[in-house]
Protein backbone atom coordinates (compact mmCIF):
# COMPACT_ATOMS: atom_id res chain seq x y z
CA UNK A 1 0.00 0.00 0.00
CA UNK A 2 1.67 3.17 -1.23
CA UNK A 3 1.00 6.38 0.68
CA UNK A 4 1.50 9.90 -0.64
CA UNK A 5 2.09 12.87 1.58
CA UNK A 6 -0.63 15.49 0.98
CA UNK A 7 1.93 18.30 0.90
CA UNK A 8 4.55 16.45 -1.18
CA UNK A 9 2.92 14.62 -4.08
CA UNK A 10 6.21 13.17 -5.36
CA UNK A 11 7.14 11.58 -2.04
CA UNK A 12 5.72 8.11 -1.43
CA UNK A 13 6.00 5.65 1.42
CA UNK A 14 5.43 1.96 0.84
CA UNK A 15 6.29 -0.63 3.50
CA UNK A 16 7.10 -3.04 0.65
CA UNK A 17 9.80 -0.77 -0.85
CA UNK A 18 13.06 0.37 0.70
CA UNK A 19 11.95 -0.70 4.19
CA UNK A 20 9.18 1.90 4.20
CA UNK A 21 11.55 4.84 3.77
CA UNK A 22 10.22 7.90 1.92
CA UNK A 23 10.96 7.49 -1.80
CA UNK A 24 10.53 9.41 -5.02
CA UNK A 25 7.28 8.69 -6.93
CA UNK A 26 7.03 5.04 -5.94
CA UNK A 27 10.50 4.26 -7.29
CA UNK A 28 13.19 2.58 -5.25
CA UNK A 29 14.98 5.90 -4.86
CA UNK A 30 14.88 6.98 -1.20
CA UNK A 31 14.83 10.67 -0.34
CA UNK A 32 17.87 9.96 1.86
CA UNK A 33 19.84 8.85 -1.21
CA UNK A 34 19.12 12.12 -2.99
CA UNK A 35 20.31 14.01 0.08
CA UNK A 36 23.45 11.88 0.27
CA UNK A 37 24.32 12.51 -3.37
CA UNK A 38 23.87 16.25 -2.94
CA UNK A 39 25.88 16.34 0.29
CA UNK A 40 28.67 14.39 -1.43
CA UNK A 41 28.92 17.21 -3.96
CA UNK A 42 26.88 15.93 -6.89
CA UNK A 43 24.93 18.61 -8.70
CA UNK A 44 21.28 18.30 -9.62
CA UNK A 45 22.29 17.93 -13.26
CA UNK A 46 24.74 15.12 -12.42
CA UNK A 47 22.06 13.25 -10.49
CA UNK A 48 19.63 13.64 -13.39
CA UNK A 49 22.22 12.32 -15.85
CA UNK A 50 23.00 9.33 -13.61
CA UNK A 51 19.32 8.51 -12.96
CA UNK A 52 17.36 9.67 -16.05
CA UNK A 53 14.08 8.40 -14.59
CA UNK A 54 14.25 11.25 -12.07
CA UNK A 55 12.98 14.75 -12.79
CA UNK A 56 14.35 18.02 -11.49
CA UNK A 57 11.20 18.56 -9.42
CA UNK A 58 11.80 15.19 -7.70
CA UNK A 59 15.09 16.46 -6.32
CA UNK A 60 13.65 19.80 -5.25
CA UNK A 61 10.77 18.07 -3.54
CA UNK A 62 13.15 15.67 -1.75
CA UNK A 63 14.93 18.73 -0.34
CA UNK A 64 11.66 20.39 0.64
CA UNK A 65 10.45 17.19 2.31
CA UNK A 66 13.70 16.85 4.27
CA UNK A 67 13.43 20.46 5.44
CA UNK A 68 9.83 19.88 6.50
CA UNK A 69 10.76 16.73 8.44
CA UNK A 70 13.54 18.59 10.26
CA UNK A 71 11.16 21.38 11.24
CA UNK A 72 8.58 18.94 12.56
CA UNK A 73 10.81 16.67 14.61
CA UNK A 74 13.43 17.51 17.20
CA UNK A 75 15.87 14.80 18.12
CA UNK A 76 17.44 15.22 21.55
CA UNK A 77 21.19 14.82 21.61
CA UNK A 78 22.95 12.99 24.40
CA UNK A 79 25.33 15.20 26.36
CA UNK A 80 28.91 14.84 25.22
CA UNK A 81 31.47 13.70 27.73
CA UNK A 82 35.01 14.93 27.59
CA UNK A 83 37.59 12.27 27.08
CA UNK A 84 40.77 12.52 29.07
CA UNK A 85 43.99 11.61 27.31
CA UNK A 86 46.40 9.30 29.09
PDB file of N, CA and C in Angstrom:
ATOM      1  N   UNK A   1       0.845  -1.175   0.000  1.00  0.00           N
ATOM      2  CA  UNK A   1       0.000   0.000   0.000  1.00  0.00           C
ATOM      3  C   UNK A   1       0.895   1.244   0.000  1.00  0.00           C
ATOM      4  N   UNK A   2       0.849   1.978  -1.069  1.00  0.00           N
ATOM      5  CA  UNK A   2       1.667   3.170  -1.225  1.00  0.00           C
ATOM      6  C   UNK A   2       0.919   4.391  -0.705  1.00  0.00           C
ATOM      7  N   UNK A   3       1.582   5.154   0.133  1.00  0.00           N
ATOM      8  CA  UNK A   3       0.995   6.377   0.680  1.00  0.00           C
ATOM      9  C   UNK A   3       1.703   7.588   0.099  1.00  0.00           C
ATOM     10  N   UNK A   4       0.935   8.624  -0.187  1.00  0.00           N
ATOM     11  CA  UNK A   4       1.501   9.896  -0.639  1.00  0.00           C
ATOM     12  C   UNK A   4       1.256  10.936   0.434  1.00  0.00           C
ATOM     13  N   UNK A   5       2.240  11.778   0.632  1.00  0.00           N
ATOM     14  CA  UNK A   5       2.088  12.869   1.582  1.00  0.00           C
ATOM     15  C   UNK A   5       1.240  13.948   0.914  1.00  0.00           C
ATOM     16  N   UNK A   6       0.241  14.491   1.614  1.00  0.00           N
ATOM     17  CA  UNK A   6      -0.628  15.490   0.976  1.00  0.00           C
ATOM     18  C   UNK A   6       0.105  16.759   0.548  1.00  0.00           C
ATOM     19  N   UNK A   7       1.187  17.075   1.218  1.00  0.00           N
ATOM     20  CA  UNK A   7       1.927  18.296   0.899  1.00  0.00           C
ATOM     21  C   UNK A   7       3.027  18.046  -0.142  1.00  0.00           C
ATOM     22  N   UNK A   8       3.449  16.791  -0.285  1.00  0.00           N
ATOM     23  CA  UNK A   8       4.554  16.447  -1.179  1.00  0.00           C
ATOM     24  C   UNK A   8       4.107  15.300  -2.085  1.00  0.00           C
ATOM     25  N   UNK A   9       3.533  15.633  -3.227  1.00  0.00           N
ATOM     26  CA  UNK A   9       2.922  14.615  -4.083  1.00  0.00           C
ATOM     27  C   UNK A   9       3.919  13.691  -4.768  1.00  0.00           C
ATOM     28  N   UNK A  10       5.191  14.030  -4.753  1.00  0.00           N
ATOM     29  CA  UNK A  10       6.207  13.170  -5.364  1.00  0.00           C
ATOM     30  C   UNK A  10       6.884  12.253  -4.354  1.00  0.00           C
ATOM     31  N   UNK A  11       6.548  12.403  -3.096  1.00  0.00           N
ATOM     32  CA  UNK A  11       7.135  11.583  -2.040  1.00  0.00           C
ATOM     33  C   UNK A  11       6.137  10.493  -1.669  1.00  0.00           C
ATOM     34  N   UNK A  12       6.587   9.240  -1.757  1.00  0.00           N
ATOM     35  CA  UNK A  12       5.718   8.111  -1.427  1.00  0.00           C
ATOM     36  C   UNK A  12       6.374   7.251  -0.352  1.00  0.00           C
ATOM     37  N   UNK A  13       5.529   6.583   0.402  1.00  0.00           N
ATOM     38  CA  UNK A  13       6.003   5.650   1.422  1.00  0.00           C
ATOM     39  C   UNK A  13       5.247   4.346   1.223  1.00  0.00           C
ATOM     40  N   UNK A  14       6.009   3.281   1.047  1.00  0.00           N
ATOM     41  CA  UNK A  14       5.431   1.958   0.835  1.00  0.00           C
ATOM     42  C   UNK A  14       6.224   0.966   1.683  1.00  0.00           C
ATOM     43  N   UNK A  15       5.570   0.323   2.644  1.00  0.00           N
ATOM     44  CA  UNK A  15       6.286  -0.629   3.499  1.00  0.00           C
ATOM     45  C   UNK A  15       6.970  -1.755   2.716  1.00  0.00           C
ATOM     46  N   UNK A  16       6.533  -1.981   1.483  1.00  0.00           N
ATOM     47  CA  UNK A  16       7.102  -3.044   0.647  1.00  0.00           C
ATOM     48  C   UNK A  16       8.344  -2.592  -0.120  1.00  0.00           C
ATOM     49  N   UNK A  17       8.648  -1.299  -0.094  1.00  0.00           N
ATOM     50  CA  UNK A  17       9.795  -0.774  -0.849  1.00  0.00           C
ATOM     51  C   UNK A  17      10.740  -0.036   0.083  1.00  0.00           C
ATOM     52  N   UNK A  18      12.005  -0.344  -0.038  1.00  0.00           N
ATOM     53  CA  UNK A  18      13.061   0.374   0.698  1.00  0.00           C
ATOM     54  C   UNK A  18      12.772   0.459   2.192  1.00  0.00           C
ATOM     55  N   UNK A  19      12.230  -0.618   2.748  1.00  0.00           N
ATOM     56  CA  UNK A  19      11.954  -0.701   4.187  1.00  0.00           C
ATOM     57  C   UNK A  19      11.015   0.395   4.680  1.00  0.00           C
ATOM     58  N   UNK A  20      10.150   0.882   3.800  1.00  0.00           N
ATOM     59  CA  UNK A  20       9.183   1.898   4.197  1.00  0.00           C
ATOM     60  C   UNK A  20       9.744   3.305   4.266  1.00  0.00           C
ATOM     61  N   UNK A  21      10.957   3.494   3.758  1.00  0.00           N
ATOM     62  CA  UNK A  21      11.547   4.841   3.766  1.00  0.00           C
ATOM     63  C   UNK A  21      10.863   5.702   2.708  1.00  0.00           C
ATOM     64  N   UNK A  22      10.793   7.010   2.934  1.00  0.00           N
ATOM     65  CA  UNK A  22      10.221   7.903   1.923  1.00  0.00           C
ATOM     66  C   UNK A  22      11.030   7.820   0.629  1.00  0.00           C
ATOM     67  N   UNK A  23      10.325   7.637  -0.486  1.00  0.00           N
ATOM     68  CA  UNK A  23      10.956   7.485  -1.795  1.00  0.00           C
ATOM     69  C   UNK A  23      10.360   8.484  -2.787  1.00  0.00           C
ATOM     70  N   UNK A  24      10.980   8.533  -3.945  1.00  0.00           N
ATOM     71  CA  UNK A  24      10.529   9.409  -5.019  1.00  0.00           C
ATOM     72  C   UNK A  24       9.546   8.657  -5.910  1.00  0.00           C
ATOM     73  N   UNK A  25       8.324   9.158  -6.009  1.00  0.00           N
ATOM     74  CA  UNK A  25       7.280   8.691  -6.929  1.00  0.00           C
ATOM     75  C   UNK A  25       7.159   7.176  -7.037  1.00  0.00           C
ATOM     76  N   UNK A  26       7.221   6.476  -5.918  1.00  0.00           N
ATOM     77  CA  UNK A  26       7.033   5.036  -5.937  1.00  0.00           C
ATOM     78  C   UNK A  26       8.224   4.250  -6.449  1.00  0.00           C
ATOM     79  N   UNK A  27       9.292   4.942  -6.824  1.00  0.00           N
ATOM     80  CA  UNK A  27      10.497   4.258  -7.289  1.00  0.00           C
ATOM     81  C   UNK A  27      11.323   3.830  -6.079  1.00  0.00           C
ATOM     82  N   UNK A  28      12.276   2.997  -6.319  1.00  0.00           N
ATOM     83  CA  UNK A  28      13.186   2.583  -5.248  1.00  0.00           C
ATOM     84  C   UNK A  28      14.350   3.569  -5.152  1.00  0.00           C
ATOM     85  N   UNK A  29      14.001   4.826  -5.019  1.00  0.00           N
ATOM     86  CA  UNK A  29      14.976   5.900  -4.857  1.00  0.00           C
ATOM     87  C   UNK A  29      14.598   6.660  -3.594  1.00  0.00           C
ATOM     88  N   UNK A  30      15.222   6.306  -2.457  1.00  0.00           N
ATOM     89  CA  UNK A  30      14.885   6.985  -1.205  1.00  0.00           C
ATOM     90  C   UNK A  30      15.285   8.460  -1.213  1.00  0.00           C
ATOM     91  N   UNK A  31      14.506   9.250  -0.522  1.00  0.00           N
ATOM     92  CA  UNK A  31      14.832  10.669  -0.336  1.00  0.00           C
ATOM     93  C   UNK A  31      16.229  10.785   0.262  1.00  0.00           C
ATOM     94  N   UNK A  32      16.552   9.911   1.206  1.00  0.00           N
ATOM     95  CA  UNK A  32      17.866   9.957   1.857  1.00  0.00           C
ATOM     96  C   UNK A  32      19.004   9.794   0.848  1.00  0.00           C
ATOM     97  N   UNK A  33      18.799   9.012  -0.194  1.00  0.00           N
ATOM     98  CA  UNK A  33      19.840   8.845  -1.214  1.00  0.00           C
ATOM     99  C   UNK A  33      20.071  10.145  -1.967  1.00  0.00           C
ATOM    100  N   UNK A  34      18.996  10.823  -2.315  1.00  0.00           N
ATOM    101  CA  UNK A  34      19.119  12.120  -2.993  1.00  0.00           C
ATOM    102  C   UNK A  34      19.926  13.080  -2.120  1.00  0.00           C
ATOM    103  N   UNK A  35      19.593  13.125  -0.839  1.00  0.00           N
ATOM    104  CA  UNK A  35      20.310  14.010   0.078  1.00  0.00           C
ATOM    105  C   UNK A  35      21.779  13.625   0.172  1.00  0.00           C
ATOM    106  N   UNK A  36      22.065  12.345   0.201  1.00  0.00           N
ATOM    107  CA  UNK A  36      23.454  11.880   0.273  1.00  0.00           C
ATOM    108  C   UNK A  36      24.239  12.286  -0.970  1.00  0.00           C
ATOM    109  N   UNK A  37      23.631  12.131  -2.135  1.00  0.00           N
ATOM    110  CA  UNK A  37      24.319  12.513  -3.369  1.00  0.00           C
ATOM    111  C   UNK A  37      24.622  14.008  -3.380  1.00  0.00           C
ATOM    112  N   UNK A  38      23.659  14.798  -2.975  1.00  0.00           N
ATOM    113  CA  UNK A  38      23.868  16.245  -2.943  1.00  0.00           C
ATOM    114  C   UNK A  38      24.937  16.621  -1.920  1.00  0.00           C
ATOM    115  N   UNK A  39      24.896  16.003  -0.746  1.00  0.00           N
ATOM    116  CA  UNK A  39      25.875  16.345   0.290  1.00  0.00           C
ATOM    117  C   UNK A  39      27.279  15.867  -0.080  1.00  0.00           C
ATOM    118  N   UNK A  40      27.366  14.870  -0.961  1.00  0.00           N
ATOM    119  CA  UNK A  40      28.668  14.393  -1.431  1.00  0.00           C
ATOM    120  C   UNK A  40      29.227  15.284  -2.535  1.00  0.00           C
ATOM    121  N   UNK A  41      28.429  16.258  -2.971  1.00  0.00           N
ATOM    122  CA  UNK A  41      28.918  17.209  -3.957  1.00  0.00           C
ATOM    123  C   UNK A  41      28.352  17.052  -5.351  1.00  0.00           C
ATOM    124  N   UNK A  42      27.485  16.061  -5.568  1.00  0.00           N
ATOM    125  CA  UNK A  42      26.875  15.934  -6.892  1.00  0.00           C
ATOM    126  C   UNK A  42      25.933  17.106  -7.126  1.00  0.00           C
ATOM    127  N   UNK A  43      25.881  17.565  -8.347  1.00  0.00           N
ATOM    128  CA  UNK A  43      24.931  18.613  -8.695  1.00  0.00           C
ATOM    129  C   UNK A  43      23.605  17.970  -9.097  1.00  0.00           C
ATOM    130  N   UNK A  44      22.579  18.789  -9.166  1.00  0.00           N
ATOM    131  CA  UNK A  44      21.276  18.296  -9.617  1.00  0.00           C
ATOM    132  C   UNK A  44      21.409  17.719 -11.022  1.00  0.00           C
ATOM    133  N   UNK A  45      22.126  18.412 -11.891  1.00  0.00           N
ATOM    134  CA  UNK A  45      22.290  17.927 -13.263  1.00  0.00           C
ATOM    135  C   UNK A  45      23.023  16.588 -13.312  1.00  0.00           C
ATOM    136  N   UNK A  46      24.025  16.405 -12.459  1.00  0.00           N
ATOM    137  CA  UNK A  46      24.742  15.124 -12.420  1.00  0.00           C
ATOM    138  C   UNK A  46      23.819  13.990 -11.966  1.00  0.00           C
ATOM    139  N   UNK A  47      23.007  14.264 -10.973  1.00  0.00           N
ATOM    140  CA  UNK A  47      22.060  13.252 -10.494  1.00  0.00           C
ATOM    141  C   UNK A  47      21.079  12.890 -11.604  1.00  0.00           C
ATOM    142  N   UNK A  48      20.585  13.889 -12.307  1.00  0.00           N
ATOM    143  CA  UNK A  48      19.625  13.637 -13.389  1.00  0.00           C
ATOM    144  C   UNK A  48      20.258  12.858 -14.537  1.00  0.00           C
ATOM    145  N   UNK A  49      21.536  13.096 -14.810  1.00  0.00           N
ATOM    146  CA  UNK A  49      22.220  12.318 -15.850  1.00  0.00           C
ATOM    147  C   UNK A  49      22.417  10.865 -15.405  1.00  0.00           C
ATOM    148  N   UNK A  50      22.748  10.676 -14.139  1.00  0.00           N
ATOM    149  CA  UNK A  50      22.998   9.329 -13.606  1.00  0.00           C
ATOM    150  C   UNK A  50      21.708   8.511 -13.492  1.00  0.00           C
ATOM    151  N   UNK A  51      20.616   9.174 -13.127  1.00  0.00           N
ATOM    152  CA  UNK A  51      19.317   8.514 -12.964  1.00  0.00           C
ATOM    153  C   UNK A  51      18.290   9.242 -13.831  1.00  0.00           C
ATOM    154  N   UNK A  52      18.234   8.938 -15.126  1.00  0.00           N
ATOM    155  CA  UNK A  52      17.361   9.674 -16.055  1.00  0.00           C
ATOM    156  C   UNK A  52      15.869   9.525 -15.765  1.00  0.00           C
ATOM    157  N   UNK A  53      15.499   8.541 -14.950  1.00  0.00           N
ATOM    158  CA  UNK A  53      14.081   8.399 -14.594  1.00  0.00           C
ATOM    159  C   UNK A  53      13.630   9.475 -13.610  1.00  0.00           C
ATOM    160  N   UNK A  54      14.588  10.157 -12.989  1.00  0.00           N
ATOM    161  CA  UNK A  54      14.249  11.249 -12.069  1.00  0.00           C
ATOM    162  C   UNK A  54      13.999  12.535 -12.843  1.00  0.00           C
ATOM    163  N   UNK A  55      13.232  13.418 -12.234  1.00  0.00           N
ATOM    164  CA  UNK A  55      12.976  14.745 -12.787  1.00  0.00           C
ATOM    165  C   UNK A  55      13.494  15.786 -11.804  1.00  0.00           C
ATOM    166  N   UNK A  56      13.818  16.939 -12.325  1.00  0.00           N
ATOM    167  CA  UNK A  56      14.351  18.019 -11.493  1.00  0.00           C
ATOM    168  C   UNK A  56      13.439  18.296 -10.290  1.00  0.00           C
ATOM    169  N   UNK A  57      12.147  18.296 -10.506  1.00  0.00           N
ATOM    170  CA  UNK A  57      11.196  18.560  -9.421  1.00  0.00           C
ATOM    171  C   UNK A  57      11.269  17.488  -8.331  1.00  0.00           C
ATOM    172  N   UNK A  58      11.634  16.256  -8.706  1.00  0.00           N
ATOM    173  CA  UNK A  58      11.805  15.194  -7.703  1.00  0.00           C
ATOM    174  C   UNK A  58      12.880  15.579  -6.692  1.00  0.00           C
ATOM    175  N   UNK A  59      13.967  16.094  -7.194  1.00  0.00           N
ATOM    176  CA  UNK A  59      15.085  16.460  -6.320  1.00  0.00           C
ATOM    177  C   UNK A  59      14.709  17.647  -5.446  1.00  0.00           C
ATOM    178  N   UNK A  60      14.071  18.643  -6.040  1.00  0.00           N
ATOM    179  CA  UNK A  60      13.647  19.803  -5.247  1.00  0.00           C
ATOM    180  C   UNK A  60      12.641  19.398  -4.173  1.00  0.00           C
ATOM    181  N   UNK A  61      11.752  18.480  -4.524  1.00  0.00           N
ATOM    182  CA  UNK A  61      10.766  18.070  -3.538  1.00  0.00           C
ATOM    183  C   UNK A  61      11.401  17.205  -2.445  1.00  0.00           C
ATOM    184  N   UNK A  62      12.424  16.434  -2.776  1.00  0.00           N
ATOM    185  CA  UNK A  62      13.151  15.674  -1.753  1.00  0.00           C
ATOM    186  C   UNK A  62      13.783  16.634  -0.745  1.00  0.00           C
ATOM    187  N   UNK A  63      14.346  17.718  -1.232  1.00  0.00           N
ATOM    188  CA  UNK A  63      14.927  18.729  -0.337  1.00  0.00           C
ATOM    189  C   UNK A  63      13.856  19.401   0.511  1.00  0.00           C
ATOM    190  N   UNK A  64      12.746  19.741  -0.102  1.00  0.00           N
ATOM    191  CA  UNK A  64      11.657  20.388   0.640  1.00  0.00           C
ATOM    192  C   UNK A  64      11.094  19.447   1.700  1.00  0.00           C
ATOM    193  N   UNK A  65      10.957  18.175   1.360  1.00  0.00           N
ATOM    194  CA  UNK A  65      10.452  17.186   2.313  1.00  0.00           C
ATOM    195  C   UNK A  65      11.423  17.044   3.487  1.00  0.00           C
ATOM    196  N   UNK A  66      12.703  16.968   3.200  1.00  0.00           N
ATOM    197  CA  UNK A  66      13.704  16.846   4.267  1.00  0.00           C
ATOM    198  C   UNK A  66      13.669  18.062   5.185  1.00  0.00           C
ATOM    199  N   UNK A  67      13.526  19.243   4.622  1.00  0.00           N
ATOM    200  CA  UNK A  67      13.433  20.457   5.443  1.00  0.00           C
ATOM    201  C   UNK A  67      12.183  20.413   6.308  1.00  0.00           C
ATOM    202  N   UNK A  68      11.080  19.970   5.744  1.00  0.00           N
ATOM    203  CA  UNK A  68       9.829  19.876   6.500  1.00  0.00           C
ATOM    204  C   UNK A  68       9.972  18.893   7.658  1.00  0.00           C
ATOM    205  N   UNK A  69      10.575  17.734   7.390  1.00  0.00           N
ATOM    206  CA  UNK A  69      10.764  16.729   8.440  1.00  0.00           C
ATOM    207  C   UNK A  69      11.615  17.300   9.571  1.00  0.00           C
ATOM    208  N   UNK A  70      12.655  18.025   9.229  1.00  0.00           N
ATOM    209  CA  UNK A  70      13.537  18.586  10.262  1.00  0.00           C
ATOM    210  C   UNK A  70      12.833  19.659  11.083  1.00  0.00           C
ATOM    211  N   UNK A  71      11.919  20.377  10.488  1.00  0.00           N
ATOM    212  CA  UNK A  71      11.163  21.384  11.239  1.00  0.00           C
ATOM    213  C   UNK A  71      10.159  20.736  12.179  1.00  0.00           C
ATOM    214  N   UNK A  72       9.641  19.583  11.803  1.00  0.00           N
ATOM    215  CA  UNK A  72       8.581  18.939  12.564  1.00  0.00           C
ATOM    216  C   UNK A  72       9.080  18.047  13.693  1.00  0.00           C
ATOM    217  N   UNK A  73      10.322  17.636  13.634  1.00  0.00           N
ATOM    218  CA  UNK A  73      10.808  16.670  14.610  1.00  0.00           C
ATOM    219  C   UNK A  73      12.128  17.137  15.200  1.00  0.00           C
ATOM    220  N   UNK A  74      12.196  17.143  16.508  1.00  0.00           N
ATOM    221  CA  UNK A  74      13.426  17.511  17.198  1.00  0.00           C
ATOM    222  C   UNK A  74      13.988  16.258  17.846  1.00  0.00           C
ATOM    223  N   UNK A  75      15.223  15.963  17.541  1.00  0.00           N
ATOM    224  CA  UNK A  75      15.874  14.797  18.122  1.00  0.00           C
ATOM    225  C   UNK A  75      16.801  15.259  19.241  1.00  0.00           C
ATOM    226  N   UNK A  76      16.560  14.818  20.463  1.00  0.00           N
ATOM    227  CA  UNK A  76      17.441  15.222  21.553  1.00  0.00           C
ATOM    228  C   UNK A  76      18.811  14.573  21.396  1.00  0.00           C
ATOM    229  N   UNK A  77      19.836  15.336  21.689  1.00  0.00           N
ATOM    230  CA  UNK A  77      21.195  14.821  21.615  1.00  0.00           C
ATOM    231  C   UNK A  77      21.670  14.461  23.008  1.00  0.00           C
ATOM    232  N   UNK A  78      22.382  13.373  23.109  1.00  0.00           N
ATOM    233  CA  UNK A  78      22.948  12.988  24.402  1.00  0.00           C
ATOM    234  C   UNK A  78      24.083  13.950  24.730  1.00  0.00           C
ATOM    235  N   UNK A  79      24.234  14.298  26.003  1.00  0.00           N
ATOM    236  CA  UNK A  79      25.332  15.202  26.359  1.00  0.00           C
ATOM    237  C   UNK A  79      26.672  14.548  26.042  1.00  0.00           C
ATOM    238  N   UNK A  80      27.584  15.353  25.548  1.00  0.00           N
ATOM    239  CA  UNK A  80      28.908  14.837  25.220  1.00  0.00           C
ATOM    240  C   UNK A  80      29.766  14.813  26.475  1.00  0.00           C
ATOM    241  N   UNK A  81      30.536  13.774  26.600  1.00  0.00           N
ATOM    242  CA  UNK A  81      31.465  13.698  27.729  1.00  0.00           C
ATOM    243  C   UNK A  81      32.862  13.963  27.206  1.00  0.00           C
ATOM    244  N   UNK A  82      33.640  14.629  28.002  1.00  0.00           N
ATOM    245  CA  UNK A  82      35.009  14.929  27.595  1.00  0.00           C
ATOM    246  C   UNK A  82      35.875  13.708  27.848  1.00  0.00           C
ATOM    247  N   UNK A  83      36.678  13.386  26.875  1.00  0.00           N
ATOM    248  CA  UNK A  83      37.594  12.265  27.080  1.00  0.00           C
ATOM    249  C   UNK A  83      38.922  12.811  27.579  1.00  0.00           C
ATOM    250  N   UNK A  84      39.508  12.090  28.480  1.00  0.00           N
ATOM    251  CA  UNK A  84      40.770  12.516  29.072  1.00  0.00           C
ATOM    252  C   UNK A  84      41.874  11.667  28.477  1.00  0.00           C
ATOM    253  N   UNK A  85      42.858  12.328  27.886  1.00  0.00           N
ATOM    254  CA  UNK A  85      43.988  11.608  27.306  1.00  0.00           C
ATOM    255  C   UNK A  85      44.898  11.057  28.387  1.00  0.00           C
ATOM    256  N   UNK A  86      45.505   9.920  28.106  1.00  0.00           N
ATOM    257  CA  UNK A  86      46.398   9.297  29.091  1.00  0.00           C
ATOM    258  C   UNK A  86      47.826   9.510  28.688  1.00  0.00           C
TER     259      UNK A  86
END
